[in-house]
């Protein structure tokens, strides 16, 4: 369990690739630089897709974990 605090929580449980990343992309556009979003997902593909999203775009993956088949990610919005 992470001690990170998120400004926004994005629940994508039950959604399959590419929907979680599409929702994350829409959410990040609305956020201010430096804000943190916590993504909650159940699609195992997010373990690959969300780190790739952060590498492709200037966002920082602060932490990720798996708890009972739920995937958790904390991302900080970078500058574009």
Protein backbone atom coordinates (compact mmCIF):
# COMPACT_ATOMS: atom_id res chain seq x y z
CA UNK A 1 0.00 0.00 0.00
CA UNK A 2 1.39 3.38 -0.97
CA UNK A 3 1.49 6.41 1.31
CA UNK A 4 1.14 8.72 -1.68
CA UNK A 5 -1.74 11.17 -1.69
CA UNK A 6 -3.60 11.75 -4.93
CA UNK A 7 -5.36 14.92 -6.01
CA UNK A 8 -7.69 12.84 -8.22
CA UNK A 9 -8.76 9.21 -8.18
CA UNK A 10 -9.62 7.55 -11.50
CA UNK A 11 -11.56 4.28 -11.21
CA UNK A 12 -11.25 2.17 -14.36
CA UNK A 13 -12.22 -1.16 -12.76
CA UNK A 14 -13.95 -3.50 -15.20
CA UNK A 15 -12.63 -1.71 -18.29
CA UNK A 16 -10.31 -3.40 -20.79
CA UNK A 17 -7.48 -2.06 -22.91
CA UNK A 18 -7.41 0.59 -24.32
CA UNK A 19 -10.16 2.21 -22.22
CA UNK A 20 -8.17 2.72 -18.95
CA UNK A 21 -5.37 4.57 -20.77
CA UNK A 22 -7.85 6.60 -22.83
CA UNK A 23 -9.63 7.68 -19.63
CA UNK A 24 -6.28 8.49 -18.01
CA UNK A 25 -5.26 10.61 -21.00
CA UNK A 26 -8.55 12.57 -20.82
CA UNK A 27 -8.16 13.08 -17.06
CA UNK A 28 -4.54 14.23 -17.27
CA UNK A 29 -5.47 16.89 -19.82
CA UNK A 30 -7.76 18.49 -17.19
CA UNK A 31 -5.11 18.46 -14.46
CA UNK A 32 -2.52 21.07 -13.51
CA UNK A 33 1.19 20.30 -13.84
CA UNK A 34 2.39 18.59 -10.65
CA UNK A 35 -0.99 17.16 -9.65
CA UNK A 36 -1.15 13.45 -8.84
CA UNK A 37 -3.76 11.00 -10.15
CA UNK A 38 -4.35 7.56 -8.66
CA UNK A 39 -5.55 5.02 -11.22
CA UNK A 40 -7.43 1.93 -10.04
CA UNK A 41 -7.67 -0.82 -12.67
CA UNK A 42 -8.51 -4.50 -13.03
CA UNK A 43 -7.08 -5.06 -16.52
CA UNK A 44 -3.63 -6.73 -16.26
CA UNK A 45 -2.61 -4.93 -19.47
CA UNK A 46 -2.43 -1.69 -17.47
CA UNK A 47 0.81 -2.99 -15.91
CA UNK A 48 2.34 -2.56 -19.37
CA UNK A 49 0.22 0.26 -20.78
CA UNK A 50 0.39 2.85 -18.00
CA UNK A 51 4.22 2.80 -17.63
CA UNK A 52 4.45 3.08 -21.44
CA UNK A 53 2.02 6.02 -21.34
CA UNK A 54 4.32 7.76 -18.84
CA UNK A 55 7.40 7.11 -20.96
CA UNK A 56 5.74 8.38 -24.14
CA UNK A 57 4.34 11.51 -22.50
CA UNK A 58 6.14 13.65 -19.93
CA UNK A 59 4.42 12.22 -16.84
CA UNK A 60 6.09 10.59 -13.85
CA UNK A 61 5.00 7.17 -12.60
CA UNK A 62 5.46 7.64 -8.86
CA UNK A 63 4.38 4.18 -7.76
CA UNK A 64 2.49 1.08 -8.83
CA UNK A 65 1.24 -1.93 -6.92
CA UNK A 66 -1.11 -4.90 -7.14
CA UNK A 67 -3.59 -5.74 -4.39
CA UNK A 68 -5.97 -8.69 -4.84
CA UNK A 69 -5.93 -8.42 -8.66
CA UNK A 70 -6.50 -4.66 -8.52
CA UNK A 71 -3.74 -2.59 -10.12
CA UNK A 72 -2.92 0.78 -8.56
CA UNK A 73 -0.85 3.55 -10.14
CA UNK A 74 0.12 7.02 -8.95
CA UNK A 75 1.16 9.45 -11.70
CA UNK A 76 2.31 13.04 -11.50
CA UNK A 77 1.43 15.25 -14.44
CA UNK A 78 4.50 16.58 -16.19
CA UNK A 79 4.92 19.60 -18.41
CA UNK A 80 4.14 19.33 -22.08
